[in-house]
Amino acid sequence: MRHLPLILSALLLLGLSAAQAAGLRAFDVPAGPDGPAIRGLIWHPCAETPHEIDARGGRTFFGVNDCPIVGDKLPFIVISHGRRGWLGGHHDTAAALADAGFIVLTINHPTDTERDTSGTDSLAVTVERPADIKRAIDYALGSWPDAARIDAARIGLYGFSWGGYTGLVAIGAAPDLREGLPNCQASSLRACKELGAGLHPSGPVVHDPRIKAAIIVDPYPVLFFAVENLKTVTIPVQLWSSDPAQSGDGLSGCCAADVRDMLPSPPDYHLAKDAKHFSFLATCTPKEAEKIPSICTDAPGFDRVAFHQRLDAEAVAFFRKHLGEAGTR
């Protein structure tokens, strides 16, 4: 019974019902010449009743493990987490999209997760993160056992923070990663220090033209982008910003507006009033709130559950508009 309020609020947030829920199954890209193994999780339409799933460390998902996928030729969304994040950081959004008929892939970016921070903020991850997205889509459309369930012509991306940077590059942005970059002069970012030391990216900048629509949330860092670096972003973009009034944390409201003004076509722009940077992460469980209050604490009066109802509904509507609904092709 102690979990009842949490379960009820989550069910309300995710819009789950006995008729349709998020099915969950493991998705692991094997290591290869192009990069290390990538751990992932697939969220998909499922006709069984959802239940509470222990996602380790006091975290909770709602769905059905190894449920049969409902539907064929479904649109496909990849979610890229933020700095030192993990594949469950946006589980409510993944579940909402799965409930709406999308197959959703959340991944852990190797060397920039909560368990492996060896590459965090480095020059290497500026190119490795976008490459992770392409490798994951390659595997989903090729070797994944249920690849035939995906409509390869309807692929989208959702990226938060460093995942927003990742998403911008994946959809065509060309980051300026040269030594002597003016924007790096006053930055303490590890990647800037490495550029200043004469280091070079570990591989090429990789784009994926198969992505047809993207939601970019509080992208960071944006110092590698000027107008000319973003002119090759031509697909529809929904862009979200936390509130600059919450900028005391050094993150909130810093970057999305700059990207909005530089994109060649106006994005579907949303300023989330009173939202902090981490307010875009899924609502915390009591154990998470106790363990990581900096991520779980919102501005006074801000309702993260209600905000995510709106965020997730907007995400579903955006991807339906630009990728089509399940079963429409």
Protein backbone atom coordinates (compact mmCIF):
# COMPACT_ATOMS: atom_id res chain seq x y z
CA MET A 1 0.00 0.00 0.00
CA ARG A 2 2.88 2.38 0.60
CA HIS A 3 3.44 2.51 -3.19
CA LEU A 4 -0.21 3.30 -4.03
CA PRO A 5 0.08 7.11 -4.34
CA LEU A 6 3.18 6.76 -6.50
CA ILE A 7 1.51 4.15 -8.70
CA LEU A 8 -1.65 6.19 -9.13
CA SER A 9 0.22 9.37 -10.02
CA ALA A 10 2.40 7.50 -12.48
CA LEU A 11 -0.56 5.85 -14.12
CA LEU A 12 -2.16 9.25 -14.51
CA LEU A 13 1.07 10.67 -15.88
CA LEU A 14 1.66 7.93 -18.40
CA GLY A 15 -1.96 7.53 -19.50
CA LEU A 16 -1.75 3.74 -19.17
CA SER A 17 -4.77 1.47 -19.35
CA ALA A 18 -5.53 -2.23 -19.45
CA ALA A 19 -6.13 -1.91 -23.17
CA GLN A 20 -2.66 -0.67 -24.05
CA ALA A 21 0.62 -0.29 -22.21
CA ALA A 22 4.32 -0.03 -22.77
CA GLY A 23 5.99 -3.34 -23.41
CA LEU A 24 9.67 -3.49 -22.48
CA ARG A 25 12.50 -5.63 -23.78
CA ALA A 26 16.27 -5.50 -23.73
CA PHE A 27 18.12 -4.14 -26.75
CA ASP A 28 21.88 -4.55 -26.90
CA VAL A 29 24.07 -3.45 -29.77
CA PRO A 30 27.20 -5.65 -29.87
CA ALA A 31 30.67 -4.14 -29.91
CA GLY A 32 32.25 -3.86 -33.31
CA PRO A 33 34.82 -1.97 -35.38
CA ASP A 34 32.67 1.17 -35.17
CA GLY A 35 32.40 1.27 -31.39
CA PRO A 36 31.74 -0.44 -28.06
CA ALA A 37 28.62 -2.33 -27.03
CA ILE A 38 25.56 -0.17 -26.43
CA ARG A 39 22.99 -1.16 -23.85
CA GLY A 40 19.44 -0.21 -24.66
CA LEU A 41 15.79 -0.75 -23.80
CA ILE A 42 12.88 -0.96 -26.21
CA TRP A 43 9.49 0.46 -25.25
CA HIS A 44 6.63 -0.60 -27.54
CA PRO A 45 2.86 -0.94 -27.84
CA CYS A 46 1.53 -3.83 -25.76
CA ALA A 47 -2.01 -5.13 -25.13
CA GLU A 48 -1.41 -6.36 -21.58
CA THR A 49 -2.09 -4.61 -18.28
CA PRO A 50 0.91 -2.61 -17.01
CA HIS A 51 2.44 -3.23 -13.62
CA GLU A 52 5.21 -1.81 -11.49
CA ILE A 53 8.71 -2.92 -12.51
CA ASP A 54 11.76 -2.47 -10.31
CA ALA A 55 14.32 -0.62 -12.44
CA ARG A 56 17.05 -0.79 -9.75
CA GLY A 57 18.20 1.81 -7.26
CA GLY A 58 14.73 2.75 -6.05
CA ARG A 59 13.52 3.51 -9.56
CA THR A 60 10.24 2.32 -11.01
CA PHE A 61 8.95 1.71 -14.51
CA PHE A 62 5.37 0.82 -15.44
CA GLY A 63 4.89 -1.63 -18.25
CA VAL A 64 5.13 -5.29 -19.22
CA ASN A 65 8.40 -7.14 -19.71
CA ASP A 66 8.73 -9.17 -22.93
CA CYS A 67 5.20 -8.39 -24.08
CA PRO A 68 4.36 -9.16 -27.74
CA ILE A 69 4.62 -6.04 -29.91
CA VAL A 70 1.24 -4.75 -31.10
CA GLY A 71 1.28 -3.48 -34.68
CA ASP A 72 3.49 -3.56 -37.76
CA LYS A 73 5.49 -0.93 -39.67
CA LEU A 74 5.51 1.32 -36.63
CA PRO A 75 7.28 4.69 -36.36
CA PHE A 76 10.51 4.51 -34.37
CA ILE A 77 11.97 7.02 -31.88
CA VAL A 78 15.47 7.05 -30.33
CA ILE A 79 15.99 8.85 -27.01
CA SER A 80 19.42 10.29 -26.11
CA HIS A 81 20.00 11.00 -22.41
CA GLY A 82 21.96 13.88 -20.91
CA ARG A 83 25.38 14.13 -19.30
CA ARG A 84 26.01 11.18 -16.96
CA GLY A 85 22.44 10.05 -17.58
CA TRP A 86 20.95 6.63 -18.19
CA LEU A 87 18.45 4.90 -20.44
CA GLY A 88 15.61 5.31 -17.94
CA GLY A 89 15.86 9.05 -17.40
CA HIS A 90 12.92 9.78 -19.69
CA HIS A 91 10.91 6.63 -19.05
CA ASP A 92 7.58 8.45 -18.81
CA THR A 93 8.06 9.98 -22.27
CA ALA A 94 9.19 6.65 -23.70
CA ALA A 95 6.11 4.94 -22.23
CA ALA A 96 3.76 7.67 -23.46
CA LEU A 97 5.13 7.34 -26.99
CA ALA A 98 4.89 3.54 -26.84
CA ASP A 99 1.28 3.80 -25.64
CA ALA A 100 0.61 6.05 -28.65
CA GLY A 101 1.89 3.43 -31.10
CA PHE A 102 5.60 4.17 -31.44
CA ILE A 103 8.52 1.83 -30.92
CA VAL A 104 10.95 3.73 -28.69
CA LEU A 105 14.61 2.97 -28.04
CA THR A 106 16.42 4.42 -25.04
CA ILE A 107 20.17 3.83 -24.85
CA ASN A 108 23.10 4.32 -22.53
CA HIS A 109 25.87 6.27 -24.23
CA PRO A 110 29.11 4.36 -23.48
CA THR A 111 31.57 6.35 -21.31
CA ASP A 112 28.99 9.04 -20.49
CA THR A 113 26.50 7.35 -18.17
CA GLU A 114 25.93 7.37 -14.44
CA ARG A 115 28.07 4.22 -14.14
CA ASP A 116 30.83 5.14 -16.57
CA THR A 117 31.77 8.82 -16.71
CA SER A 118 35.21 8.32 -18.26
CA GLY A 119 34.23 10.25 -21.39
CA THR A 120 31.91 12.81 -19.85
CA ASP A 121 32.35 16.31 -21.35
CA SER A 122 35.26 15.10 -23.49
CA LEU A 123 36.10 15.87 -27.08
CA ALA A 124 35.61 12.18 -27.80
CA VAL A 125 31.91 12.17 -26.87
CA THR A 126 31.19 15.11 -29.19
CA VAL A 127 31.55 12.64 -32.07
CA GLU A 128 30.94 9.32 -30.33
CA ARG A 129 27.46 10.21 -29.06
CA PRO A 130 26.00 10.95 -32.53
CA ALA A 131 27.74 7.81 -33.82
CA ASP A 132 25.96 5.84 -31.07
CA ILE A 133 22.63 7.01 -32.47
CA LYS A 134 23.46 5.84 -35.98
CA ARG A 135 24.80 2.51 -34.76
CA ALA A 136 21.66 1.94 -32.68
CA ILE A 137 19.39 2.71 -35.64
CA ASP A 138 21.50 0.48 -37.89
CA TYR A 139 21.04 -2.40 -35.46
CA ALA A 140 17.32 -1.73 -34.98
CA LEU A 141 16.71 -1.83 -38.73
CA GLY A 142 19.08 -4.71 -39.39
CA SER A 143 19.96 -7.36 -36.81
CA TRP A 144 17.27 -6.72 -34.20
CA PRO A 145 14.85 -9.71 -34.25
CA ASP A 146 11.81 -7.43 -34.60
CA ALA A 147 13.31 -5.12 -37.22
CA ALA A 148 10.39 -5.82 -39.56
CA ARG A 149 8.06 -4.11 -37.06
CA ILE A 150 9.73 -0.74 -37.78
CA ASP A 151 8.85 1.57 -40.64
CA ALA A 152 12.32 2.72 -41.71
CA ALA A 153 10.82 5.79 -43.38
CA ARG A 154 9.46 7.10 -40.05
CA ILE A 155 12.30 7.61 -37.59
CA GLY A 156 12.47 10.35 -34.96
CA LEU A 157 14.79 11.44 -32.17
CA TYR A 158 14.37 12.93 -28.68
CA GLY A 159 17.46 14.41 -27.02
CA PHE A 160 17.96 16.11 -23.66
CA SER A 161 20.92 18.31 -22.61
CA TRP A 162 24.04 16.57 -24.00
CA GLY A 163 21.47 14.41 -25.75
CA GLY A 164 20.17 17.63 -27.30
CA TYR A 165 23.66 18.35 -28.64
CA THR A 166 23.79 14.73 -29.79
CA GLY A 167 20.46 15.07 -31.55
CA LEU A 168 21.40 18.28 -33.33
CA VAL A 169 24.53 16.65 -34.74
CA ALA A 170 22.66 13.48 -35.68
CA ILE A 171 20.12 15.50 -37.69
CA GLY A 172 22.72 17.45 -39.61
CA ALA A 173 24.44 20.09 -37.46
CA ALA A 174 28.19 20.37 -38.06
CA PRO A 175 29.93 21.21 -34.77
CA ASP A 176 33.01 23.41 -34.92
CA LEU A 177 35.66 21.25 -33.23
CA ARG A 178 38.80 23.09 -34.29
CA GLU A 179 41.66 24.22 -32.13
CA GLY A 180 41.39 27.88 -31.19
CA LEU A 181 37.59 28.00 -31.26
CA PRO A 182 36.73 31.46 -29.86
CA ASN A 183 33.77 30.22 -27.80
CA CYS A 184 36.11 27.85 -25.98
CA GLN A 185 38.44 30.55 -24.72
CA ALA A 186 36.42 31.29 -21.60
CA SER A 187 35.00 27.78 -21.12
CA SER A 188 36.11 25.21 -18.56
CA LEU A 189 34.52 22.40 -20.54
CA ARG A 190 36.82 19.39 -20.81
CA ALA A 191 36.39 19.26 -24.58
CA CYS A 192 37.55 22.88 -24.87
CA LYS A 193 40.62 22.18 -22.78
CA GLU A 194 41.44 19.20 -24.98
CA LEU A 195 41.04 21.30 -28.12
CA GLY A 196 43.33 23.90 -26.56
CA ALA A 197 45.90 21.19 -25.94
CA GLY A 198 45.94 20.31 -29.63
CA LEU A 199 43.84 17.14 -29.40
CA HIS A 200 41.49 16.10 -32.17
CA PRO A 201 38.15 14.26 -32.20
CA SER A 202 38.47 10.49 -32.06
CA GLY A 203 36.48 10.00 -35.25
CA PRO A 204 34.37 11.74 -37.90
CA VAL A 205 31.20 13.69 -37.23
CA VAL A 206 28.32 11.34 -38.08
CA HIS A 207 24.85 12.39 -39.22
CA ASP A 208 21.82 10.19 -39.89
CA PRO A 209 19.50 11.38 -42.66
CA ARG A 210 17.03 8.63 -41.78
CA ILE A 211 15.85 10.79 -38.86
CA LYS A 212 12.85 12.76 -40.12
CA ALA A 213 11.81 14.76 -37.01
CA ALA A 214 13.46 15.63 -33.71
CA ILE A 215 12.60 16.97 -30.26
CA ILE A 216 15.54 18.83 -28.75
CA VAL A 217 15.34 19.68 -25.04
CA ASP A 218 17.66 22.16 -23.29
CA PRO A 219 20.59 21.38 -25.63
CA TYR A 220 24.07 21.66 -24.12
CA PRO A 221 26.77 22.56 -24.99
CA VAL A 222 25.97 24.92 -27.88
CA LEU A 223 29.31 26.71 -28.00
CA PHE A 224 30.30 24.46 -30.91
CA PHE A 225 27.49 25.90 -33.03
CA ALA A 226 27.18 29.15 -34.94
CA VAL A 227 24.57 29.91 -37.60
CA GLU A 228 26.65 28.28 -40.32
CA ASN A 229 26.96 25.09 -38.25
CA LEU A 230 23.18 24.68 -38.02
CA LYS A 231 22.17 25.60 -41.56
CA THR A 232 22.15 21.93 -42.57
CA VAL A 233 19.38 21.12 -40.06
CA THR A 234 16.39 20.90 -42.38
CA ILE A 235 13.95 18.52 -40.67
CA PRO A 236 11.10 19.60 -38.33
CA VAL A 237 12.33 20.38 -34.80
CA GLN A 238 10.40 20.85 -31.58
CA LEU A 239 12.63 22.79 -29.19
CA TRP A 240 12.12 23.03 -25.42
CA SER A 241 13.77 25.42 -22.98
CA SER A 242 13.82 25.48 -19.21
CA ASP A 243 13.18 28.85 -17.58
CA PRO A 244 16.04 31.40 -17.61
CA ALA A 245 14.61 32.70 -14.32
CA GLN A 246 15.97 29.49 -12.76
CA SER A 247 19.49 30.10 -14.07
CA GLY A 248 21.01 30.18 -10.59
CA ASP A 249 21.90 26.52 -11.05
CA GLY A 250 24.16 27.40 -13.98
CA LEU A 251 22.17 25.25 -16.40
CA SER A 252 18.56 26.29 -16.64
CA GLY A 253 17.50 28.41 -19.60
CA CYS A 254 21.01 28.74 -20.98
CA CYS A 255 20.92 27.42 -24.50
CA ALA A 256 17.71 26.58 -26.30
CA ALA A 257 16.88 30.18 -27.20
CA ASP A 258 20.26 30.57 -28.88
CA VAL A 259 19.61 27.47 -30.98
CA ARG A 260 16.12 28.71 -31.85
CA ASP A 261 17.54 31.91 -33.28
CA MET A 262 20.18 30.08 -35.34
CA LEU A 263 18.12 27.30 -36.92
CA PRO A 264 17.37 27.95 -40.60
CA SER A 265 13.63 27.30 -40.08
CA PRO A 266 11.72 28.36 -36.95
CA PRO A 267 11.25 25.36 -34.64
CA ASP A 268 8.14 24.52 -32.65
CA TYR A 269 9.47 26.37 -29.60
CA HIS A 270 8.31 25.84 -26.02
CA LEU A 271 9.52 27.83 -23.01
CA ALA A 272 8.65 25.84 -19.87
CA LYS A 273 7.87 28.48 -17.25
CA ASP A 274 9.45 27.81 -13.85
CA ALA A 275 11.06 24.59 -15.10
CA LYS A 276 14.63 23.86 -14.09
CA HIS A 277 16.99 21.97 -16.39
CA PHE A 278 16.39 18.67 -14.62
CA SER A 279 12.62 19.18 -14.51
CA PHE A 280 12.60 17.49 -17.93
CA LEU A 281 13.68 14.22 -16.32
CA ALA A 282 10.97 11.80 -15.24
CA THR A 283 9.36 12.43 -11.86
CA CYS A 284 11.54 11.04 -9.08
CA THR A 285 10.55 8.26 -6.72
CA PRO A 286 10.99 8.95 -2.98
CA LYS A 287 14.28 7.00 -2.97
CA GLU A 288 15.60 8.98 -5.93
CA ALA A 289 14.59 12.26 -4.28
CA GLU A 290 16.53 11.27 -1.18
CA LYS A 291 19.59 10.09 -3.11
CA ILE A 292 19.86 12.83 -5.77
CA PRO A 293 17.98 15.93 -4.55
CA SER A 294 19.79 18.22 -7.01
CA ILE A 295 18.06 16.42 -9.89
CA CYS A 296 14.74 15.85 -8.16
CA THR A 297 14.12 19.28 -6.60
CA ASP A 298 12.01 21.67 -8.67
CA ALA A 299 11.29 25.36 -8.21
CA PRO A 300 8.72 26.17 -5.51
CA GLY A 301 5.22 25.56 -6.83
CA PHE A 302 6.39 23.72 -9.95
CA ASP A 303 4.42 20.50 -10.55
CA ARG A 304 6.66 18.07 -12.43
CA VAL A 305 3.90 15.48 -12.82
CA ALA A 306 1.53 17.98 -14.45
CA PHE A 307 4.35 19.39 -16.58
CA HIS A 308 5.25 15.96 -17.90
CA GLN A 309 1.64 15.33 -18.83
CA ARG A 310 1.90 18.35 -21.13
CA LEU A 311 5.45 17.55 -22.31
CA ASP A 312 4.57 13.97 -23.21
CA ALA A 313 1.33 14.99 -24.94
CA GLU A 314 3.22 17.56 -27.02
CA ALA A 315 5.86 14.96 -27.92
CA VAL A 316 3.21 12.49 -29.08
CA ALA A 317 1.42 15.18 -31.11
CA PHE A 318 4.64 16.39 -32.73
CA PHE A 319 5.82 12.96 -33.80
CA ARG A 320 2.33 11.99 -35.00
CA LYS A 321 2.23 15.15 -37.11
CA HIS A 322 5.61 14.58 -38.74
CA LEU A 323 5.93 10.79 -38.72
CA GLY A 324 2.29 9.72 -38.88
CA GLU A 325 0.32 7.49 -36.57
CA ALA A 326 0.78 3.76 -36.20
CA GLY A 327 -0.90 1.83 -38.97
CA THR A 328 -1.23 4.84 -41.31
CA ARG A 329 1.20 3.54 -43.91
